[in-house]
Amino acid sequence: VPKGHTRYTLDVLRDLVFMIPAVWLLWK
């Protein structure tokens, strides 16, 4: 993609949100 059109911050935040239920299932 052209420079400046990446969504890296949003992609990292999305994956961190996806980790919340995974970590919850590790606990319970």
mmCIF file of all heavy atoms, coordinates in Angstrom:
data_MODEL
# 
_entry.id   MODEL 
# 
loop_
_atom_site.group_PDB 
_atom_site.id 
_atom_site.type_symbol 
_atom_site.label_atom_id 
_atom_site.label_alt_id 
_atom_site.label_comp_id 
_atom_site.label_asym_id 
_atom_site.label_entity_id 
_atom_site.label_seq_id 
_atom_site.pdbx_PDB_ins_code 
_atom_site.Cartn_x 
_atom_site.Cartn_y 
_atom_site.Cartn_z 
_atom_site.occupancy 
_atom_site.B_iso_or_equiv 
_atom_site.pdbx_formal_charge 
_atom_site.auth_seq_id 
_atom_site.auth_comp_id 
_atom_site.auth_asym_id 
_atom_site.auth_atom_id 
_atom_site.pdbx_PDB_model_num 
ATOM 1   N N   . VAL A 1 1  ? 0.858   -1.178  0.000  1.00 0.00 ? 1  VAL A N   1 
ATOM 2   C CA  . VAL A 1 1  ? 0.000   0.000   0.000  1.00 0.00 ? 1  VAL A CA  1 
ATOM 3   C C   . VAL A 1 1  ? 0.892   1.224   0.000  1.00 0.00 ? 1  VAL A C   1 
ATOM 4   O O   . VAL A 1 1  ? 2.056   1.157   0.395  1.00 0.00 ? 1  VAL A O   1 
ATOM 5   C CB  . VAL A 1 1  ? -0.949  0.031   1.232  1.00 0.00 ? 1  VAL A CB  1 
ATOM 6   C CG1 . VAL A 1 1  ? -1.926  -1.119  1.202  1.00 0.00 ? 1  VAL A CG1 1 
ATOM 7   C CG2 . VAL A 1 1  ? -0.182  0.052   2.523  1.00 0.00 ? 1  VAL A CG2 1 
ATOM 8   N N   . PRO A 1 2  ? 0.379   2.368   -0.454 1.00 0.00 ? 2  PRO A N   1 
ATOM 9   C CA  . PRO A 1 2  ? 1.197   3.586   -0.423 1.00 0.00 ? 2  PRO A CA  1 
ATOM 10  C C   . PRO A 1 2  ? 1.562   3.966   1.012  1.00 0.00 ? 2  PRO A C   1 
ATOM 11  O O   . PRO A 1 2  ? 0.809   3.707   1.949  1.00 0.00 ? 2  PRO A O   1 
ATOM 12  C CB  . PRO A 1 2  ? 0.282   4.649   -1.039 1.00 0.00 ? 2  PRO A CB  1 
ATOM 13  C CG  . PRO A 1 2  ? -0.790  3.900   -1.749 1.00 0.00 ? 2  PRO A CG  1 
ATOM 14  C CD  . PRO A 1 2  ? -0.921  2.593   -1.064 1.00 0.00 ? 2  PRO A CD  1 
ATOM 15  N N   . LYS A 1 3  ? 2.734   4.568   1.181  1.00 0.00 ? 3  LYS A N   1 
ATOM 16  C CA  . LYS A 1 3  ? 3.160   5.029   2.506  1.00 0.00 ? 3  LYS A CA  1 
ATOM 17  C C   . LYS A 1 3  ? 2.105   5.983   3.069  1.00 0.00 ? 3  LYS A C   1 
ATOM 18  O O   . LYS A 1 3  ? 1.520   6.766   2.353  1.00 0.00 ? 3  LYS A O   1 
ATOM 19  C CB  . LYS A 1 3  ? 4.508   5.732   2.423  1.00 0.00 ? 3  LYS A CB  1 
ATOM 20  C CG  . LYS A 1 3  ? 5.655   4.775   2.246  1.00 0.00 ? 3  LYS A CG  1 
ATOM 21  C CD  . LYS A 1 3  ? 6.909   5.380   2.832  1.00 0.00 ? 3  LYS A CD  1 
ATOM 22  C CE  . LYS A 1 3  ? 8.060   4.428   2.639  1.00 0.00 ? 3  LYS A CE  1 
ATOM 23  N NZ  . LYS A 1 3  ? 8.332   3.646   3.793  1.00 0.00 ? 3  LYS A NZ  1 
ATOM 24  N N   . GLY A 1 4  ? 1.866   5.872   4.352  1.00 0.00 ? 4  GLY A N   1 
ATOM 25  C CA  . GLY A 1 4  ? 0.880   6.724   5.001  1.00 0.00 ? 4  GLY A CA  1 
ATOM 26  C C   . GLY A 1 4  ? -0.525  6.145   4.973  1.00 0.00 ? 4  GLY A C   1 
ATOM 27  O O   . GLY A 1 4  ? -1.436  6.710   5.558  1.00 0.00 ? 4  GLY A O   1 
ATOM 28  N N   . HIS A 1 5  ? -0.720  5.021   4.286  1.00 0.00 ? 5  HIS A N   1 
ATOM 29  C CA  . HIS A 1 5  ? -2.039  4.402   4.211  1.00 0.00 ? 5  HIS A CA  1 
ATOM 30  C C   . HIS A 1 5  ? -2.116  3.106   5.020  1.00 0.00 ? 5  HIS A C   1 
ATOM 31  O O   . HIS A 1 5  ? -3.026  2.311   4.843  1.00 0.00 ? 5  HIS A O   1 
ATOM 32  C CB  . HIS A 1 5  ? -2.415  4.126   2.754  1.00 0.00 ? 5  HIS A CB  1 
ATOM 33  C CG  . HIS A 1 5  ? -2.721  5.363   1.985  1.00 0.00 ? 5  HIS A CG  1 
ATOM 34  N ND1 . HIS A 1 5  ? -1.748  6.108   1.374  1.00 0.00 ? 5  HIS A ND1 1 
ATOM 35  C CD2 . HIS A 1 5  ? -3.885  6.001   1.757  1.00 0.00 ? 5  HIS A CD2 1 
ATOM 36  C CE1 . HIS A 1 5  ? -2.289  7.149   0.776  1.00 0.00 ? 5  HIS A CE1 1 
ATOM 37  N NE2 . HIS A 1 5  ? -3.597  7.107   0.996  1.00 0.00 ? 5  HIS A NE2 1 
ATOM 38  N N   . THR A 1 6  ? -1.159  2.903   5.889  1.00 0.00 ? 6  THR A N   1 
ATOM 39  C CA  . THR A 1 6  ? -1.175  1.702   6.721  1.00 0.00 ? 6  THR A CA  1 
ATOM 40  C C   . THR A 1 6  ? -2.073  1.938   7.932  1.00 0.00 ? 6  THR A C   1 
ATOM 41  O O   . THR A 1 6  ? -2.387  3.081   8.276  1.00 0.00 ? 6  THR A O   1 
ATOM 42  C CB  . THR A 1 6  ? 0.239   1.353   7.208  1.00 0.00 ? 6  THR A CB  1 
ATOM 43  O OG1 . THR A 1 6  ? 0.750   2.456   7.943  1.00 0.00 ? 6  THR A OG1 1 
ATOM 44  C CG2 . THR A 1 6  ? 1.150   1.025   6.044  1.00 0.00 ? 6  THR A CG2 1 
ATOM 45  N N   . ARG A 1 7  ? -2.483  0.848   8.565  1.00 0.00 ? 7  ARG A N   1 
ATOM 46  C CA  . ARG A 1 7  ? -3.324  0.917   9.760  1.00 0.00 ? 7  ARG A CA  1 
ATOM 47  C C   . ARG A 1 7  ? -2.657  0.142   10.894 1.00 0.00 ? 7  ARG A C   1 
ATOM 48  O O   . ARG A 1 7  ? -3.323  -0.558  11.639 1.00 0.00 ? 7  ARG A O   1 
ATOM 49  C CB  . ARG A 1 7  ? -4.686  0.295   9.493  1.00 0.00 ? 7  ARG A CB  1 
ATOM 50  C CG  . ARG A 1 7  ? -5.421  0.794   8.315  1.00 0.00 ? 7  ARG A CG  1 
ATOM 51  C CD  . ARG A 1 7  ? -6.707  0.026   8.107  1.00 0.00 ? 7  ARG A CD  1 
ATOM 52  N NE  . ARG A 1 7  ? -6.609  -1.323  8.687  1.00 0.00 ? 7  ARG A NE  1 
ATOM 53  C CZ  . ARG A 1 7  ? -7.538  -2.234  8.569  1.00 0.00 ? 7  ARG A CZ  1 
ATOM 54  N NH1 . ARG A 1 7  ? -8.611  -2.006  7.912  1.00 0.00 ? 7  ARG A NH1 1 
ATOM 55  N NH2 . ARG A 1 7  ? -7.382  -3.430  9.125  1.00 0.00 ? 7  ARG A NH2 1 
ATOM 56  N N   . TYR A 1 8  ? -1.371  0.255   11.035 1.00 0.00 ? 8  TYR A N   1 
ATOM 57  C CA  . TYR A 1 8  ? -0.653  -0.567  11.995 1.00 0.00 ? 8  TYR A CA  1 
ATOM 58  C C   . TYR A 1 8  ? -1.149  -0.369  13.425 1.00 0.00 ? 8  TYR A C   1 
ATOM 59  O O   . TYR A 1 8  ? -1.302  -1.335  14.168 1.00 0.00 ? 8  TYR A O   1 
ATOM 60  C CB  . TYR A 1 8  ? 0.848   -0.322  11.920 1.00 0.00 ? 8  TYR A CB  1 
ATOM 61  C CG  . TYR A 1 8  ? 1.469   -0.776  10.613 1.00 0.00 ? 8  TYR A CG  1 
ATOM 62  C CD1 . TYR A 1 8  ? 2.538   -0.102  10.064 1.00 0.00 ? 8  TYR A CD1 1 
ATOM 63  C CD2 . TYR A 1 8  ? 0.978   -1.878  9.938  1.00 0.00 ? 8  TYR A CD2 1 
ATOM 64  C CE1 . TYR A 1 8  ? 3.112   -0.518  8.882  1.00 0.00 ? 8  TYR A CE1 1 
ATOM 65  C CE2 . TYR A 1 8  ? 1.546   -2.299  8.749  1.00 0.00 ? 8  TYR A CE2 1 
ATOM 66  C CZ  . TYR A 1 8  ? 2.612   -1.616  8.230  1.00 0.00 ? 8  TYR A CZ  1 
ATOM 67  O OH  . TYR A 1 8  ? 3.173   -2.041  7.051  1.00 0.00 ? 8  TYR A OH  1 
ATOM 68  N N   . THR A 1 9  ? -1.401  0.862   13.819 1.00 0.00 ? 9  THR A N   1 
ATOM 69  C CA  . THR A 1 9  ? -1.874  1.110   15.182 1.00 0.00 ? 9  THR A CA  1 
ATOM 70  C C   . THR A 1 9  ? -3.229  0.446   15.406 1.00 0.00 ? 9  THR A C   1 
ATOM 71  O O   . THR A 1 9  ? -3.451  -0.215  16.427 1.00 0.00 ? 9  THR A O   1 
ATOM 72  C CB  . THR A 1 9  ? -1.974  2.617   15.464 1.00 0.00 ? 9  THR A CB  1 
ATOM 73  O OG1 . THR A 1 9  ? -0.689  3.212   15.235 1.00 0.00 ? 9  THR A OG1 1 
ATOM 74  C CG2 . THR A 1 9  ? -2.409  2.895   16.878 1.00 0.00 ? 9  THR A CG2 1 
ATOM 75  N N   . LEU A 1 10 ? -4.138  0.590   14.450 1.00 0.00 ? 10 LEU A N   1 
ATOM 76  C CA  . LEU A 1 10 ? -5.450  -0.045  14.573 1.00 0.00 ? 10 LEU A CA  1 
ATOM 77  C C   . LEU A 1 10 ? -5.344  -1.566  14.557 1.00 0.00 ? 10 LEU A C   1 
ATOM 78  O O   . LEU A 1 10 ? -6.074  -2.254  15.284 1.00 0.00 ? 10 LEU A O   1 
ATOM 79  C CB  . LEU A 1 10 ? -6.378  0.429   13.445 1.00 0.00 ? 10 LEU A CB  1 
ATOM 80  C CG  . LEU A 1 10 ? -6.819  1.883   13.515 1.00 0.00 ? 10 LEU A CG  1 
ATOM 81  C CD1 . LEU A 1 10 ? -7.631  2.250   12.277 1.00 0.00 ? 10 LEU A CD1 1 
ATOM 82  C CD2 . LEU A 1 10 ? -7.616  2.141   14.774 1.00 0.00 ? 10 LEU A CD2 1 
ATOM 83  N N   . ASP A 1 11 ? -4.429  -2.098  13.740 1.00 0.00 ? 11 ASP A N   1 
ATOM 84  C CA  . ASP A 1 11 ? -4.244  -3.548  13.688 1.00 0.00 ? 11 ASP A CA  1 
ATOM 85  C C   . ASP A 1 11 ? -3.729  -4.095  15.017 1.00 0.00 ? 11 ASP A C   1 
ATOM 86  O O   . ASP A 1 11 ? -4.179  -5.142  15.491 1.00 0.00 ? 11 ASP A O   1 
ATOM 87  C CB  . ASP A 1 11 ? -3.297  -3.936  12.552 1.00 0.00 ? 11 ASP A CB  1 
ATOM 88  C CG  . ASP A 1 11 ? -3.911  -3.742  11.176 1.00 0.00 ? 11 ASP A CG  1 
ATOM 89  O OD1 . ASP A 1 11 ? -5.154  -3.665  11.076 1.00 0.00 ? 11 ASP A OD1 1 
ATOM 90  O OD2 . ASP A 1 11 ? -3.141  -3.670  10.199 1.00 0.00 ? 11 ASP A OD2 1 
ATOM 91  N N   . VAL A 1 12 ? -2.783  -3.387  15.627 1.00 0.00 ? 12 VAL A N   1 
ATOM 92  C CA  . VAL A 1 12 ? -2.258  -3.822  16.931 1.00 0.00 ? 12 VAL A CA  1 
ATOM 93  C C   . VAL A 1 12 ? -3.359  -3.728  17.982 1.00 0.00 ? 12 VAL A C   1 
ATOM 94  O O   . VAL A 1 12 ? -3.549  -4.658  18.781 1.00 0.00 ? 12 VAL A O   1 
ATOM 95  C CB  . VAL A 1 12 ? -1.016  -2.994  17.336 1.00 0.00 ? 12 VAL A CB  1 
ATOM 96  C CG1 . VAL A 1 12 ? -0.652  -3.235  18.794 1.00 0.00 ? 12 VAL A CG1 1 
ATOM 97  C CG2 . VAL A 1 12 ? 0.161   -3.326  16.436 1.00 0.00 ? 12 VAL A CG2 1 
ATOM 98  N N   . LEU A 1 13 ? -4.116  -2.638  17.984 1.00 0.00 ? 13 LEU A N   1 
ATOM 99  C CA  . LEU A 1 13 ? -5.207  -2.491  18.952 1.00 0.00 ? 13 LEU A CA  1 
ATOM 100 C C   . LEU A 1 13 ? -6.268  -3.572  18.755 1.00 0.00 ? 13 LEU A C   1 
ATOM 101 O O   . LEU A 1 13 ? -6.778  -4.129  19.731 1.00 0.00 ? 13 LEU A O   1 
ATOM 102 C CB  . LEU A 1 13 ? -5.835  -1.100  18.844 1.00 0.00 ? 13 LEU A CB  1 
ATOM 103 C CG  . LEU A 1 13 ? -4.972  0.052   19.341 1.00 0.00 ? 13 LEU A CG  1 
ATOM 104 C CD1 . LEU A 1 13 ? -5.649  1.391   19.040 1.00 0.00 ? 13 LEU A CD1 1 
ATOM 105 C CD2 . LEU A 1 13 ? -4.680  -0.082  20.816 1.00 0.00 ? 13 LEU A CD2 1 
ATOM 106 N N   . ARG A 1 14 ? -6.595  -3.887  17.512 1.00 0.00 ? 14 ARG A N   1 
ATOM 107 C CA  . ARG A 1 14 ? -7.566  -4.951  17.223 1.00 0.00 ? 14 ARG A CA  1 
ATOM 108 C C   . ARG A 1 14 ? -7.090  -6.279  17.801 1.00 0.00 ? 14 ARG A C   1 
ATOM 109 O O   . ARG A 1 14 ? -7.853  -6.987  18.466 1.00 0.00 ? 14 ARG A O   1 
ATOM 110 C CB  . ARG A 1 14 ? -7.749  -5.087  15.707 1.00 0.00 ? 14 ARG A CB  1 
ATOM 111 C CG  . ARG A 1 14 ? -8.680  -6.224  15.299 1.00 0.00 ? 14 ARG A CG  1 
ATOM 112 C CD  . ARG A 1 14 ? -8.433  -6.686  13.879 1.00 0.00 ? 14 ARG A CD  1 
ATOM 113 N NE  . ARG A 1 14 ? -7.063  -7.175  13.747 1.00 0.00 ? 14 ARG A NE  1 
ATOM 114 C CZ  . ARG A 1 14 ? -6.346  -7.041  12.646 1.00 0.00 ? 14 ARG A CZ  1 
ATOM 115 N NH1 . ARG A 1 14 ? -6.829  -6.419  11.591 1.00 0.00 ? 14 ARG A NH1 1 
ATOM 116 N NH2 . ARG A 1 14 ? -5.106  -7.511  12.589 1.00 0.00 ? 14 ARG A NH2 1 
ATOM 117 N N   . ASP A 1 15 ? -5.819  -6.604  17.583 1.00 0.00 ? 15 ASP A N   1 
ATOM 118 C CA  . ASP A 1 15 ? -5.292  -7.871  18.085 1.00 0.00 ? 15 ASP A CA  1 
ATOM 119 C C   . ASP A 1 15 ? -5.235  -7.889  19.615 1.00 0.00 ? 15 ASP A C   1 
ATOM 120 O O   . ASP A 1 15 ? -5.451  -8.933  20.232 1.00 0.00 ? 15 ASP A O   1 
ATOM 121 C CB  . ASP A 1 15 ? -3.921  -8.160  17.473 1.00 0.00 ? 15 ASP A CB  1 
ATOM 122 C CG  . ASP A 1 15 ? -4.021  -8.539  16.000 1.00 0.00 ? 15 ASP A CG  1 
ATOM 123 O OD1 . ASP A 1 15 ? -5.141  -8.794  15.514 1.00 0.00 ? 15 ASP A OD1 1 
ATOM 124 O OD2 . ASP A 1 15 ? -2.972  -8.581  15.337 1.00 0.00 ? 15 ASP A OD2 1 
ATOM 125 N N   . LEU A 1 16 ? -4.957  -6.739  20.230 1.00 0.00 ? 16 LEU A N   1 
ATOM 126 C CA  . LEU A 1 16 ? -4.980  -6.675  21.695 1.00 0.00 ? 16 LEU A CA  1 
ATOM 127 C C   . LEU A 1 16 ? -6.390  -6.901  22.225 1.00 0.00 ? 16 LEU A C   1 
ATOM 128 O O   . LEU A 1 16 ? -6.575  -7.577  23.245 1.00 0.00 ? 16 LEU A O   1 
ATOM 129 C CB  . LEU A 1 16 ? -4.425  -5.334  22.176 1.00 0.00 ? 16 LEU A CB  1 
ATOM 130 C CG  . LEU A 1 16 ? -2.920  -5.156  22.041 1.00 0.00 ? 16 LEU A CG  1 
ATOM 131 C CD1 . LEU A 1 16 ? -2.520  -3.713  22.352 1.00 0.00 ? 16 LEU A CD1 1 
ATOM 132 C CD2 . LEU A 1 16 ? -2.167  -6.124  22.950 1.00 0.00 ? 16 LEU A CD2 1 
ATOM 133 N N   . VAL A 1 17 ? -7.390  -6.366  21.541 1.00 0.00 ? 17 VAL A N   1 
ATOM 134 C CA  . VAL A 1 17 ? -8.788  -6.602  21.936 1.00 0.00 ? 17 VAL A CA  1 
ATOM 135 C C   . VAL A 1 17 ? -9.134  -8.079  21.772 1.00 0.00 ? 17 VAL A C   1 
ATOM 136 O O   . VAL A 1 17 ? -9.811  -8.664  22.621 1.00 0.00 ? 17 VAL A O   1 
ATOM 137 C CB  . VAL A 1 17 ? -9.754  -5.698  21.132 1.00 0.00 ? 17 VAL A CB  1 
ATOM 138 C CG1 . VAL A 1 17 ? -11.201 -6.124  21.324 1.00 0.00 ? 17 VAL A CG1 1 
ATOM 139 C CG2 . VAL A 1 17 ? -9.572  -4.244  21.535 1.00 0.00 ? 17 VAL A CG2 1 
ATOM 140 N N   . PHE A 1 18 ? -8.650  -8.711  20.692 1.00 0.00 ? 18 PHE A N   1 
ATOM 141 C CA  . PHE A 1 18 ? -8.891  -10.142 20.494 1.00 0.00 ? 18 PHE A CA  1 
ATOM 142 C C   . PHE A 1 18 ? -8.218  -10.988 21.581 1.00 0.00 ? 18 PHE A C   1 
ATOM 143 O O   . PHE A 1 18 ? -8.657  -12.103 21.866 1.00 0.00 ? 18 PHE A O   1 
ATOM 144 C CB  . PHE A 1 18 ? -8.384  -10.594 19.122 1.00 0.00 ? 18 PHE A CB  1 
ATOM 145 C CG  . PHE A 1 18 ? -9.218  -10.128 17.968 1.00 0.00 ? 18 PHE A CG  1 
ATOM 146 C CD1 . PHE A 1 18 ? -8.696  -10.166 16.691 1.00 0.00 ? 18 PHE A CD1 1 
ATOM 147 C CD2 . PHE A 1 18 ? -10.506 -9.669  18.125 1.00 0.00 ? 18 PHE A CD2 1 
ATOM 148 C CE1 . PHE A 1 18 ? -9.443  -9.752  15.603 1.00 0.00 ? 18 PHE A CE1 1 
ATOM 149 C CE2 . PHE A 1 18 ? -11.269 -9.247  17.046 1.00 0.00 ? 18 PHE A CE2 1 
ATOM 150 C CZ  . PHE A 1 18 ? -10.734 -9.291  15.785 1.00 0.00 ? 18 PHE A CZ  1 
ATOM 151 N N   . MET A 1 19 ? -7.166  -10.467 22.177 1.00 0.00 ? 19 MET A N   1 
ATOM 152 C CA  . MET A 1 19 ? -6.466  -11.218 23.226 1.00 0.00 ? 19 MET A CA  1 
ATOM 153 C C   . MET A 1 19 ? -7.235  -11.236 24.540 1.00 0.00 ? 19 MET A C   1 
ATOM 154 O O   . MET A 1 19 ? -7.034  -12.139 25.359 1.00 0.00 ? 19 MET A O   1 
ATOM 155 C CB  . MET A 1 19 ? -5.071  -10.631 23.472 1.00 0.00 ? 19 MET A CB  1 
ATOM 156 C CG  . MET A 1 19 ? -4.056  -11.090 22.466 1.00 0.00 ? 19 MET A CG  1 
ATOM 157 S SD  . MET A 1 19 ? -2.430  -10.417 22.788 1.00 0.00 ? 19 MET A SD  1 
ATOM 158 C CE  . MET A 1 19 ? -2.064  -11.080 24.394 1.00 0.00 ? 19 MET A CE  1 
ATOM 159 N N   . ILE A 1 20 ? -8.119  -10.288 24.755 1.00 0.00 ? 20 ILE A N   1 
ATOM 160 C CA  . ILE A 1 20 ? -8.853  -10.210 26.023 1.00 0.00 ? 20 ILE A CA  1 
ATOM 161 C C   . ILE A 1 20 ? -9.632  -11.498 26.296 1.00 0.00 ? 20 ILE A C   1 
ATOM 162 O O   . ILE A 1 20 ? -9.473  -12.095 27.369 1.00 0.00 ? 20 ILE A O   1 
ATOM 163 C CB  . ILE A 1 20 ? -9.756  -8.956  26.071 1.00 0.00 ? 20 ILE A CB  1 
ATOM 164 C CG1 . ILE A 1 20 ? -8.893  -7.696  26.101 1.00 0.00 ? 20 ILE A CG1 1 
ATOM 165 C CG2 . ILE A 1 20 ? -10.704 -9.005  27.271 1.00 0.00 ? 20 ILE A CG2 1 
ATOM 166 C CD1 . ILE A 1 20 ? -9.656  -6.405  25.900 1.00 0.00 ? 20 ILE A CD1 1 
ATOM 167 N N   . PRO A 1 21 ? -10.474 -11.981 25.364 1.00 0.00 ? 21 PRO A N   1 
ATOM 168 C CA  . PRO A 1 21 ? -11.178 -13.233 25.664 1.00 0.00 ? 21 PRO A CA  1 
ATOM 169 C C   . PRO A 1 21 ? -10.239 -14.439 25.754 1.00 0.00 ? 21 PRO A C   1 
ATOM 170 O O   . PRO A 1 21 ? -10.500 -15.366 26.527 1.00 0.00 ? 21 PRO A O   1 
ATOM 171 C CB  . PRO A 1 21 ? -12.179 -13.397 24.519 1.00 0.00 ? 21 PRO A CB  1 
ATOM 172 C CG  . PRO A 1 21 ? -11.881 -12.364 23.521 1.00 0.00 ? 21 PRO A CG  1 
ATOM 173 C CD  . PRO A 1 21 ? -10.948 -11.379 24.133 1.00 0.00 ? 21 PRO A CD  1 
ATOM 174 N N   . ALA A 1 22 ? -9.153  -14.426 25.001 1.00 0.00 ? 22 ALA A N   1 
ATOM 175 C CA  . ALA A 1 22 ? -8.202  -15.541 25.068 1.00 0.00 ? 22 ALA A CA  1 
ATOM 176 C C   . ALA A 1 22 ? -7.560  -15.601 26.443 1.00 0.00 ? 22 ALA A C   1 
ATOM 177 O O   . ALA A 1 22 ? -7.436  -16.683 27.041 1.00 0.00 ? 22 ALA A O   1 
ATOM 178 C CB  . ALA A 1 22 ? -7.144  -15.400 23.977 1.00 0.00 ? 22 ALA A CB  1 
ATOM 179 N N   . VAL A 1 23 ? -7.162  -14.466 26.986 1.00 0.00 ? 23 VAL A N   1 
ATOM 180 C CA  . VAL A 1 23 ? -6.564  -14.428 28.320 1.00 0.00 ? 23 VAL A CA  1 
ATOM 181 C C   . VAL A 1 23 ? -7.612  -14.803 29.373 1.00 0.00 ? 23 VAL A C   1 
ATOM 182 O O   . VAL A 1 23 ? -7.314  -15.514 30.330 1.00 0.00 ? 23 VAL A O   1 
ATOM 183 C CB  . VAL A 1 23 ? -5.931  -13.049 28.605 1.00 0.00 ? 23 VAL A CB  1 
ATOM 184 C CG1 . VAL A 1 23 ? -5.509  -12.903 30.055 1.00 0.00 ? 23 VAL A CG1 1 
ATOM 185 C CG2 . VAL A 1 23 ? -4.742  -12.818 27.672 1.00 0.00 ? 23 VAL A CG2 1 
ATOM 186 N N   . TRP A 1 24 ? -8.843  -14.364 29.178 1.00 0.00 ? 24 TRP A N   1 
ATOM 187 C CA  . TRP A 1 24 ? -9.917  -14.738 30.098 1.00 0.00 ? 24 TRP A CA  1 
ATOM 188 C C   . TRP A 1 24 ? -10.073 -16.263 30.137 1.00 0.00 ? 24 TRP A C   1 
ATOM 189 O O   . TRP A 1 24 ? -10.236 -16.850 31.199 1.00 0.00 ? 24 TRP A O   1 
ATOM 190 C CB  . TRP A 1 24 ? -11.232 -14.083 29.675 1.00 0.00 ? 24 TRP A CB  1 
ATOM 191 C CG  . TRP A 1 24 ? -12.394 -14.533 30.506 1.00 0.00 ? 24 TRP A CG  1 
ATOM 192 C CD1 . TRP A 1 24 ? -13.261 -15.551 30.237 1.00 0.00 ? 24 TRP A CD1 1 
ATOM 193 C CD2 . TRP A 1 24 ? -12.794 -14.009 31.769 1.00 0.00 ? 24 TRP A CD2 1 
ATOM 194 N NE1 . TRP A 1 24 ? -14.182 -15.675 31.242 1.00 0.00 ? 24 TRP A NE1 1 
ATOM 195 C CE2 . TRP A 1 24 ? -13.919 -14.738 32.205 1.00 0.00 ? 24 TRP A CE2 1 
ATOM 196 C CE3 . TRP A 1 24 ? -12.313 -12.981 32.579 1.00 0.00 ? 24 TRP A CE3 1 
ATOM 197 C CZ2 . TRP A 1 24 ? -14.554 -14.484 33.399 1.00 0.00 ? 24 TRP A CZ2 1 
ATOM 198 C CZ3 . TRP A 1 24 ? -12.972 -12.728 33.765 1.00 0.00 ? 24 TRP A CZ3 1 
ATOM 199 C CH2 . TRP A 1 24 ? -14.072 -13.471 34.168 1.00 0.00 ? 24 TRP A CH2 1 
ATOM 200 N N   . LEU A 1 25 ? -10.026 -16.904 28.970 1.00 0.00 ? 25 LEU A N   1 
ATOM 201 C CA  . LEU A 1 25 ? -10.173 -18.356 28.914 1.00 0.00 ? 25 LEU A CA  1 
ATOM 202 C C   . LEU A 1 25 ? -8.970  -19.082 29.506 1.00 0.00 ? 25 LEU A C   1 
ATOM 203 O O   . LEU A 1 25 ? -9.093  -20.231 29.926 1.00 0.00 ? 25 LEU A O   1 
ATOM 204 C CB  . LEU A 1 25 ? -10.426 -18.817 27.482 1.00 0.00 ? 25 LEU A CB  1 
ATOM 205 C CG  . LEU A 1 25 ? -11.808 -18.472 26.932 1.00 0.00 ? 25 LEU A CG  1 
ATOM 206 C CD1 . LEU A 1 25 ? -11.901 -18.836 25.459 1.00 0.00 ? 25 LEU A CD1 1 
ATOM 207 C CD2 . LEU A 1 25 ? -12.898 -19.165 27.731 1.00 0.00 ? 25 LEU A CD2 1 
ATOM 208 N N   . LEU A 1 26 ? -7.815  -18.455 29.517 1.00 0.00 ? 26 LEU A N   1 
ATOM 209 C CA  . LEU A 1 26 ? -6.670  -19.039 30.226 1.00 0.00 ? 26 LEU A CA  1 
ATOM 210 C C   . LEU A 1 26 ? -6.950  -19.079 31.725 1.00 0.00 ? 26 LEU A C   1 
ATOM 211 O O   . LEU A 1 26 ? -6.583  -20.024 32.416 1.00 0.00 ? 26 LEU A O   1 
ATOM 212 C CB  . LEU A 1 26 ? -5.402  -18.226 29.964 1.00 0.00 ? 26 LEU A CB  1 
ATOM 213 C CG  . LEU A 1 26 ? -4.744  -18.423 28.614 1.00 0.00 ? 26 LEU A CG  1 
ATOM 214 C CD1 . LEU A 1 26 ? -3.655  -17.379 28.412 1.00 0.00 ? 26 LEU A CD1 1 
ATOM 215 C CD2 . LEU A 1 26 ? -4.173  -19.817 28.505 1.00 0.00 ? 26 LEU A CD2 1 
ATOM 216 N N   . TRP A 1 27 ? -7.622  -18.046 32.209 1.00 0.00 ? 27 TRP A N   1 
ATOM 217 C CA  . TRP A 1 27 ? -7.905  -17.922 33.626 1.00 0.00 ? 27 TRP A CA  1 
ATOM 218 C C   . TRP A 1 27 ? -9.105  -18.778 34.030 1.00 0.00 ? 27 TRP A C   1 
ATOM 219 O O   . TRP A 1 27 ? -9.081  -19.463 35.042 1.00 0.00 ? 27 TRP A O   1 
ATOM 220 C CB  . TRP A 1 27 ? -8.132  -16.446 33.960 1.00 0.00 ? 27 TRP A CB  1 
ATOM 221 C CG  . TRP A 1 27 ? -8.419  -16.163 35.390 1.00 0.00 ? 27 TRP A CG  1 
ATOM 222 C CD1 . TRP A 1 27 ? -7.737  -16.616 36.487 1.00 0.00 ? 27 TRP A CD1 1 
ATOM 223 C CD2 . TRP A 1 27 ? -9.462  -15.335 35.895 1.00 0.00 ? 27 TRP A CD2 1 
ATOM 224 N NE1 . TRP A 1 27 ? -8.290  -16.124 37.638 1.00 0.00 ? 27 TRP A NE1 1 
ATOM 225 C CE2 . TRP A 1 27 ? -9.357  -15.321 37.303 1.00 0.00 ? 27 TRP A CE2 1 
ATOM 226 C CE3 . TRP A 1 27 ? -10.464 -14.581 35.294 1.00 0.00 ? 27 TRP A CE3 1 
ATOM 227 C CZ2 . TRP A 1 27 ? -10.221 -14.601 38.103 1.00 0.00 ? 27 TRP A CZ2 1 
ATOM 228 C CZ3 . TRP A 1 27 ? -11.313 -13.864 36.101 1.00 0.00 ? 27 TRP A CZ3 1 
ATOM 229 C CH2 . TRP A 1 27 ? -11.190 -13.887 37.496 1.00 0.00 ? 27 TRP A CH2 1 
ATOM 230 N N   . LYS A 1 28 ? -10.186 -18.718 33.240 1.00 0.00 ? 28 LYS A N   1 
ATOM 231 C CA  . LYS A 1 28 ? -11.422 -19.453 33.530 1.00 0.00 ? 28 LYS A CA  1 
ATOM 232 C C   . LYS A 1 28 ? -11.852 -20.218 32.286 1.00 0.00 ? 28 LYS A C   1 
ATOM 233 O O   . LYS A 1 28 ? -12.709 -19.748 31.531 1.00 0.00 ? 28 LYS A O   1 
ATOM 234 C CB  . LYS A 1 28 ? -12.523 -18.492 33.951 1.00 0.00 ? 28 LYS A CB  1 
ATOM 235 C CG  . LYS A 1 28 ? -12.280 -17.812 35.272 1.00 0.00 ? 28 LYS A CG  1 
ATOM 236 C CD  . LYS A 1 28 ? -13.583 -17.271 35.800 1.00 0.00 ? 28 LYS A CD  1 
ATOM 237 C CE  . LYS A 1 28 ? -13.401 -16.717 37.166 1.00 0.00 ? 28 LYS A CE  1 
ATOM 238 N NZ  . LYS A 1 28 ? -13.818 -17.607 38.203 1.00 0.00 ? 28 LYS A NZ  1 
# 
